[in-house]
């Protein structure tokens, strides 16, 4: 992992914000690219004065949101059979789709937020939200919240501790601790909003 992070850090530093956008955007659409690690590398580069941290955060956020929304549109437009037929090479296999669909059925919009912190879920949650018919506005709100937490968490940690790539593995291995603190608070907020929205539904 440290060697991989080092190479990615060099790539992001060399190509800057465009490389960050492409990596996060394509990963959010469903491609098996290291968008999460790209945020770490870009934020560490910002800490070293090679990139602007605000540009890193804004770029990663919009890349994540736009990528997931494109995934949603693809899933909603073409459906599950087309995704399975053409997406298997990118990780959209029957097994992976079933896994994400089970999470979507159980957690609804909460899955969209959780997905940001889980490999495979992160890549496929937009596609699955579209194929399962989740309302776009619900998806969009949950997606934006998840993207803000995800980007904010990684960028803050890497910017604070990532003056060199040696600190990136430390951040990588300790993500669960920080996510474990922030995620329950977010769940409570979303559950309350979800219950209230259902209570205001048609009678």
C-alpha atoms as a PDB file:
ATOM      1  CA  UNK A   1       0.000   0.000   0.000  1.00  0.00           C
ATOM      2  CA  UNK A   2       2.680   2.591   0.831  1.00  0.00           C
ATOM      3  CA  UNK A   3       4.349   2.089  -2.586  1.00  0.00           C
ATOM      4  CA  UNK A   4       1.026   2.395  -4.388  1.00  0.00           C
ATOM      5  CA  UNK A   5       0.178   5.556  -2.465  1.00  0.00           C
ATOM      6  CA  UNK A   6       3.562   6.995  -3.330  1.00  0.00           C
ATOM      7  CA  UNK A   7       3.087   6.414  -7.071  1.00  0.00           C
ATOM      8  CA  UNK A   8      -0.403   7.892  -6.971  1.00  0.00           C
ATOM      9  CA  UNK A   9       0.866  10.891  -5.030  1.00  0.00           C
ATOM     10  CA  UNK A  10       3.442  11.494  -7.759  1.00  0.00           C
ATOM     11  CA  UNK A  11       0.758  11.194 -10.455  1.00  0.00           C
ATOM     12  CA  UNK A  12      -1.638  13.597  -8.756  1.00  0.00           C
ATOM     13  CA  UNK A  13       1.164  16.039  -7.998  1.00  0.00           C
ATOM     14  CA  UNK A  14       2.330  15.935 -11.610  1.00  0.00           C
ATOM     15  CA  UNK A  15      -1.090  16.357 -13.239  1.00  0.00           C
ATOM     16  CA  UNK A  16      -2.791  18.209 -10.406  1.00  0.00           C
ATOM     17  CA  UNK A  17      -6.488  18.942 -10.135  1.00  0.00           C
ATOM     18  CA  UNK A  18      -7.480  17.383 -13.509  1.00  0.00           C
ATOM     19  CA  UNK A  19      -6.043  14.019 -12.438  1.00  0.00           C
ATOM     20  CA  UNK A  20      -7.939  14.240  -9.155  1.00  0.00           C
ATOM     21  CA  UNK A  21     -11.219  15.044 -10.922  1.00  0.00           C
ATOM     22  CA  UNK A  22     -10.894  12.226 -13.441  1.00  0.00           C
ATOM     23  CA  UNK A  23     -10.025   9.648 -10.786  1.00  0.00           C
ATOM     24  CA  UNK A  24     -12.851  10.539  -8.383  1.00  0.00           C
ATOM     25  CA  UNK A  25     -15.410  11.068 -11.154  1.00  0.00           C
ATOM     26  CA  UNK A  26     -14.776   7.765 -12.932  1.00  0.00           C
ATOM     27  CA  UNK A  27     -14.667   5.829  -9.662  1.00  0.00           C
ATOM     28  CA  UNK A  28     -18.042   7.314  -8.713  1.00  0.00           C
ATOM     29  CA  UNK A  29     -19.503   6.242 -12.063  1.00  0.00           C
ATOM     30  CA  UNK A  30     -18.374   2.677 -11.394  1.00  0.00           C
ATOM     31  CA  UNK A  31     -14.826   2.307 -12.696  1.00  0.00           C
ATOM     32  CA  UNK A  32     -12.304   0.556 -10.411  1.00  0.00           C
ATOM     33  CA  UNK A  33     -10.103   3.611  -9.939  1.00  0.00           C
ATOM     34  CA  UNK A  34      -8.545   4.831  -6.661  1.00  0.00           C
ATOM     35  CA  UNK A  35     -10.577   8.013  -6.198  1.00  0.00           C
ATOM     36  CA  UNK A  36     -10.338   7.813  -2.434  1.00  0.00           C
ATOM     37  CA  UNK A  37      -6.579   7.470  -2.556  1.00  0.00           C
ATOM     38  CA  UNK A  38      -6.367  10.324  -5.056  1.00  0.00           C
ATOM     39  CA  UNK A  39      -7.976  12.622  -2.477  1.00  0.00           C
ATOM     40  CA  UNK A  40      -5.377  11.544   0.056  1.00  0.00           C
ATOM     41  CA  UNK A  41      -2.548  12.194  -2.362  1.00  0.00           C
ATOM     42  CA  UNK A  42      -3.902  15.541  -3.546  1.00  0.00           C
ATOM     43  CA  UNK A  43      -4.516  16.758  -0.002  1.00  0.00           C
ATOM     44  CA  UNK A  44      -1.040  15.670   1.042  1.00  0.00           C
ATOM     45  CA  UNK A  45       0.334  17.579  -1.953  1.00  0.00           C
ATOM     46  CA  UNK A  46      -1.658  20.612  -0.815  1.00  0.00           C
ATOM     47  CA  UNK A  47      -0.131  20.297   2.638  1.00  0.00           C
ATOM     48  CA  UNK A  48       3.278  20.401   0.970  1.00  0.00           C
ATOM     49  CA  UNK A  49       2.311  23.568  -0.896  1.00  0.00           C
ATOM     50  CA  UNK A  50       2.039  21.944  -4.330  1.00  0.00           C
ATOM     51  CA  UNK A  51      -1.757  22.265  -4.694  1.00  0.00           C
ATOM     52  CA  UNK A  52      -4.462  24.480  -3.244  1.00  0.00           C
ATOM     53  CA  UNK A  53      -6.454  22.612  -0.589  1.00  0.00           C
ATOM     54  CA  UNK A  54      -9.678  24.477  -1.404  1.00  0.00           C
ATOM     55  CA  UNK A  55      -9.365  23.500  -5.050  1.00  0.00           C
ATOM     56  CA  UNK A  56      -8.758  19.905  -3.968  1.00  0.00           C
ATOM     57  CA  UNK A  57     -11.865  19.786  -1.758  1.00  0.00           C
ATOM     58  CA  UNK A  58     -14.190  21.502  -4.242  1.00  0.00           C
ATOM     59  CA  UNK A  59     -12.937  19.414  -7.167  1.00  0.00           C
ATOM     60  CA  UNK A  60     -13.241  16.118  -5.306  1.00  0.00           C
ATOM     61  CA  UNK A  61     -16.725  16.985  -4.032  1.00  0.00           C
ATOM     62  CA  UNK A  62     -18.140  17.910  -7.424  1.00  0.00           C
ATOM     63  CA  UNK A  63     -16.399  14.990  -9.129  1.00  0.00           C
ATOM     64  CA  UNK A  64     -17.961  12.596  -6.616  1.00  0.00           C
ATOM     65  CA  UNK A  65     -21.435  14.121  -6.896  1.00  0.00           C
ATOM     66  CA  UNK A  66     -21.396  14.349 -10.685  1.00  0.00           C
ATOM     67  CA  UNK A  67     -19.994  10.837 -11.071  1.00  0.00           C
ATOM     68  CA  UNK A  68     -22.638   9.281  -8.839  1.00  0.00           C
ATOM     69  CA  UNK A  69     -25.402  11.203 -10.592  1.00  0.00           C
ATOM     70  CA  UNK A  70     -24.174   9.979 -13.955  1.00  0.00           C
ATOM     71  CA  UNK A  71     -24.187   6.455 -12.521  1.00  0.00           C
ATOM     72  CA  UNK A  72     -27.758   7.016 -11.337  1.00  0.00           C
ATOM     73  CA  UNK A  73     -28.792   8.232 -14.793  1.00  0.00           C
ATOM     74  CA  UNK A  74     -27.181   5.211 -16.455  1.00  0.00           C
ATOM     75  CA  UNK A  75     -28.891   2.813 -14.061  1.00  0.00           C
ATOM     76  CA  UNK A  76     -32.254   4.519 -14.406  1.00  0.00           C
ATOM     77  CA  UNK A  77     -32.042   4.722 -18.214  1.00  0.00           C
ATOM     78  CA  UNK A  78     -30.574   1.372 -19.197  1.00  0.00           C
ATOM     79  CA  UNK A  79     -31.444  -0.886 -16.260  1.00  0.00           C
ATOM     80  CA  UNK A  80     -29.844  -3.862 -14.625  1.00  0.00           C
ATOM     81  CA  UNK A  81     -29.493  -6.215 -17.651  1.00  0.00           C
ATOM     82  CA  UNK A  82     -27.464  -3.701 -19.656  1.00  0.00           C
ATOM     83  CA  UNK A  83     -25.238  -2.895 -16.683  1.00  0.00           C
ATOM     84  CA  UNK A  84     -24.538  -6.587 -16.107  1.00  0.00           C
ATOM     85  CA  UNK A  85     -23.839  -7.164 -19.777  1.00  0.00           C
ATOM     86  CA  UNK A  86     -21.349  -4.349 -20.247  1.00  0.00           C
ATOM     87  CA  UNK A  87     -20.206  -3.496 -16.732  1.00  0.00           C
ATOM     88  CA  UNK A  88     -18.836  -6.798 -15.437  1.00  0.00           C
ATOM     89  CA  UNK A  89     -15.280  -5.931 -16.463  1.00  0.00           C
ATOM     90  CA  UNK A  90     -15.542  -2.794 -14.305  1.00  0.00           C
ATOM     91  CA  UNK A  91     -16.842  -4.600 -11.232  1.00  0.00           C
ATOM     92  CA  UNK A  92     -20.579  -4.500 -11.948  1.00  0.00           C
ATOM     93  CA  UNK A  93     -20.956  -8.263 -11.576  1.00  0.00           C
ATOM     94  CA  UNK A  94     -24.085 -10.113 -10.480  1.00  0.00           C
ATOM     95  CA  UNK A  95     -22.568 -10.733  -7.057  1.00  0.00           C
ATOM     96  CA  UNK A  96     -21.556  -7.131  -6.513  1.00  0.00           C
ATOM     97  CA  UNK A  97     -24.875  -5.754  -7.721  1.00  0.00           C
ATOM     98  CA  UNK A  98     -26.773  -8.104  -5.409  1.00  0.00           C
ATOM     99  CA  UNK A  99     -24.638  -6.952  -2.509  1.00  0.00           C
ATOM    100  CA  UNK A 100     -25.342  -3.285  -3.175  1.00  0.00           C
ATOM    101  CA  UNK A 101     -29.028  -3.928  -3.910  1.00  0.00           C
ATOM    102  CA  UNK A 102     -29.394  -5.692  -0.568  1.00  0.00           C
ATOM    103  CA  UNK A 103     -27.882  -2.675   1.158  1.00  0.00           C
ATOM    104  CA  UNK A 104     -30.168  -0.324  -0.785  1.00  0.00           C
ATOM    105  CA  UNK A 105     -33.266  -2.356   0.088  1.00  0.00           C
ATOM    106  CA  UNK A 106     -32.374  -2.405   3.772  1.00  0.00           C
ATOM    107  CA  UNK A 107     -31.088   1.124   4.254  1.00  0.00           C
ATOM    108  CA  UNK A 108     -32.510   3.175   1.374  1.00  0.00           C
ATOM    109  CA  UNK A 109     -30.890   6.633   1.155  1.00  0.00           C
ATOM    110  CA  UNK A 110     -28.673   5.813   4.144  1.00  0.00           C
ATOM    111  CA  UNK A 111     -26.893   3.312   1.919  1.00  0.00           C
ATOM    112  CA  UNK A 112     -25.949   6.147  -0.426  1.00  0.00           C
ATOM    113  CA  UNK A 113     -24.187   7.920   2.431  1.00  0.00           C
ATOM    114  CA  UNK A 114     -22.598   4.764   3.848  1.00  0.00           C
ATOM    115  CA  UNK A 115     -21.439   3.704   0.392  1.00  0.00           C
ATOM    116  CA  UNK A 116     -18.819   6.441   0.298  1.00  0.00           C
ATOM    117  CA  UNK A 117     -16.819   4.630   2.964  1.00  0.00           C
ATOM    118  CA  UNK A 118     -17.077   1.091   1.559  1.00  0.00           C
ATOM    119  CA  UNK A 119     -15.288  -0.318  -1.488  1.00  0.00           C
ATOM    120  CA  UNK A 120     -17.674  -1.668  -4.182  1.00  0.00           C
ATOM    121  CA  UNK A 121     -20.616   0.124  -2.568  1.00  0.00           C
ATOM    122  CA  UNK A 122     -18.904   3.397  -3.416  1.00  0.00           C
ATOM    123  CA  UNK A 123     -18.464   2.456  -7.064  1.00  0.00           C
ATOM    124  CA  UNK A 124     -21.923   0.992  -7.641  1.00  0.00           C
ATOM    125  CA  UNK A 125     -24.318   2.868  -5.384  1.00  0.00           C
ATOM    126  CA  UNK A 126     -25.313   5.377  -8.074  1.00  0.00           C
ATOM    127  CA  UNK A 127     -26.004   2.654 -10.619  1.00  0.00           C
ATOM    128  CA  UNK A 128     -28.044   0.640  -8.132  1.00  0.00           C
ATOM    129  CA  UNK A 129     -29.993   3.661  -6.907  1.00  0.00           C
ATOM    130  CA  UNK A 130     -31.008   4.215 -10.520  1.00  0.00           C
ATOM    131  CA  UNK A 131     -31.908   0.609 -11.327  1.00  0.00           C
ATOM    132  CA  UNK A 132     -33.938   0.205  -8.133  1.00  0.00           C
ATOM    133  CA  UNK A 133     -35.938   3.366  -8.802  1.00  0.00           C
ATOM    134  CA  UNK A 134     -34.846   5.451  -5.814  1.00  0.00           C
ATOM    135  CA  UNK A 135     -36.305   8.941  -6.145  1.00  0.00           C
ATOM    136  CA  UNK A 136     -33.669  11.191  -7.683  1.00  0.00           C
ATOM    137  CA  UNK A 137     -34.084  14.019  -5.158  1.00  0.00           C
ATOM    138  CA  UNK A 138     -33.653  11.624  -2.232  1.00  0.00           C
ATOM    139  CA  UNK A 139     -30.591  10.149  -3.906  1.00  0.00           C
ATOM    140  CA  UNK A 140     -29.151  13.552  -4.760  1.00  0.00           C
ATOM    141  CA  UNK A 141     -29.442  14.857  -1.199  1.00  0.00           C
ATOM    142  CA  UNK A 142     -27.993  11.708   0.390  1.00  0.00           C
ATOM    143  CA  UNK A 143     -25.264  11.622  -2.242  1.00  0.00           C
ATOM    144  CA  UNK A 144     -24.244  15.222  -1.586  1.00  0.00           C
ATOM    145  CA  UNK A 145     -24.149  14.647   2.171  1.00  0.00           C
ATOM    146  CA  UNK A 146     -22.089  11.500   1.750  1.00  0.00           C
ATOM    147  CA  UNK A 147     -19.701  13.176  -0.666  1.00  0.00           C
ATOM    148  CA  UNK A 148     -19.203  16.129   1.684  1.00  0.00           C
ATOM    149  CA  UNK A 149     -18.402  13.859   4.626  1.00  0.00           C
ATOM    150  CA  UNK A 150     -16.192  11.568   2.575  1.00  0.00           C
ATOM    151  CA  UNK A 151     -14.164  14.304   0.895  1.00  0.00           C
ATOM    152  CA  UNK A 152     -14.035  16.413   4.031  1.00  0.00           C
ATOM    153  CA  UNK A 153     -12.791  13.541   6.155  1.00  0.00           C
ATOM    154  CA  UNK A 154     -10.048  12.380   3.800  1.00  0.00           C
ATOM    155  CA  UNK A 155      -8.940  15.872   2.816  1.00  0.00           C
ATOM    156  CA  UNK A 156      -8.798  17.134   6.397  1.00  0.00           C
ATOM    157  CA  UNK A 157      -6.812  14.170   7.667  1.00  0.00           C
ATOM    158  CA  UNK A 158      -4.387  14.106   4.760  1.00  0.00           C
ATOM    159  CA  UNK A 159      -3.917  17.874   4.821  1.00  0.00           C
ATOM    160  CA  UNK A 160      -3.203  17.844   8.542  1.00  0.00           C
ATOM    161  CA  UNK A 161      -0.996  14.770   8.691  1.00  0.00           C
ATOM    162  CA  UNK A 162       0.118  14.307   5.095  1.00  0.00           C
ATOM    163  CA  UNK A 163       3.112  16.607   4.774  1.00  0.00           C
ATOM    164  CA  UNK A 164       4.788  13.553   3.269  1.00  0.00           C
ATOM    165  CA  UNK A 165       3.442  10.375   1.713  1.00  0.00           C
ATOM    166  CA  UNK A 166       4.767   8.497   4.747  1.00  0.00           C
ATOM    167  CA  UNK A 167       1.748   9.720   6.699  1.00  0.00           C
ATOM    168  CA  UNK A 168      -0.809   8.463   4.170  1.00  0.00           C
ATOM    169  CA  UNK A 169      -0.813   4.813   5.275  1.00  0.00           C
ATOM    170  CA  UNK A 170      -1.473   5.972   8.846  1.00  0.00           C
ATOM    171  CA  UNK A 171      -4.522   7.916   7.679  1.00  0.00           C
ATOM    172  CA  UNK A 172      -5.658   5.007   5.516  1.00  0.00           C
ATOM    173  CA  UNK A 173      -5.654   2.537   8.397  1.00  0.00           C
ATOM    174  CA  UNK A 174      -7.363   4.893  10.840  1.00  0.00           C
ATOM    175  CA  UNK A 175     -10.283   5.934   8.643  1.00  0.00           C
ATOM    176  CA  UNK A 176     -12.634   3.493  10.368  1.00  0.00           C
ATOM    177  CA  UNK A 177     -12.194   5.267  13.688  1.00  0.00           C
ATOM    178  CA  UNK A 178     -13.193   8.672  12.333  1.00  0.00           C
ATOM    179  CA  UNK A 179     -15.981   7.286  10.152  1.00  0.00           C
ATOM    180  CA  UNK A 180     -17.307   5.432  13.185  1.00  0.00           C
ATOM    181  CA  UNK A 181     -17.688   8.727  15.023  1.00  0.00           C
ATOM    182  CA  UNK A 182     -19.239  10.776  12.225  1.00  0.00           C
ATOM    183  CA  UNK A 183     -21.487   8.185  10.591  1.00  0.00           C
ATOM    184  CA  UNK A 184     -23.811   7.457  13.575  1.00  0.00           C
ATOM    185  CA  UNK A 185     -24.527  11.167  13.919  1.00  0.00           C
ATOM    186  CA  UNK A 186     -25.390  11.373  10.243  1.00  0.00           C
ATOM    187  CA  UNK A 187     -27.618   8.296  10.470  1.00  0.00           C
ATOM    188  CA  UNK A 188     -29.673   9.856  13.242  1.00  0.00           C
ATOM    189  CA  UNK A 189     -30.228  13.012  11.185  1.00  0.00           C
ATOM    190  CA  UNK A 190     -31.209  11.104   8.043  1.00  0.00           C
ATOM    191  CA  UNK A 191     -33.544   8.751   9.908  1.00  0.00           C
ATOM    192  CA  UNK A 192     -35.363  11.694  11.463  1.00  0.00           C
ATOM    193  CA  UNK A 193     -35.685  13.415   8.079  1.00  0.00           C
ATOM    194  CA  UNK A 194     -36.846  10.200   6.419  1.00  0.00           C
ATOM    195  CA  UNK A 195     -39.522   9.561   9.058  1.00  0.00           C
ATOM    196  CA  UNK A 196     -40.740  13.136   8.846  1.00  0.00           C
ATOM    197  CA  UNK A 197     -40.917  13.010   5.045  1.00  0.00           C
ATOM    198  CA  UNK A 198     -43.009   9.832   5.178  1.00  0.00           C
ATOM    199  CA  UNK A 199     -45.295  11.436   7.744  1.00  0.00           C
ATOM    200  CA  UNK A 200     -45.950  14.309   5.351  1.00  0.00           C
ATOM    201  CA  UNK A 201     -46.744  11.978   2.488  1.00  0.00           C
ATOM    202  CA  UNK A 202     -50.125  11.649   0.699  1.00  0.00           C
ATOM    203  CA  UNK A 203     -53.034  10.654   2.912  1.00  0.00           C
END
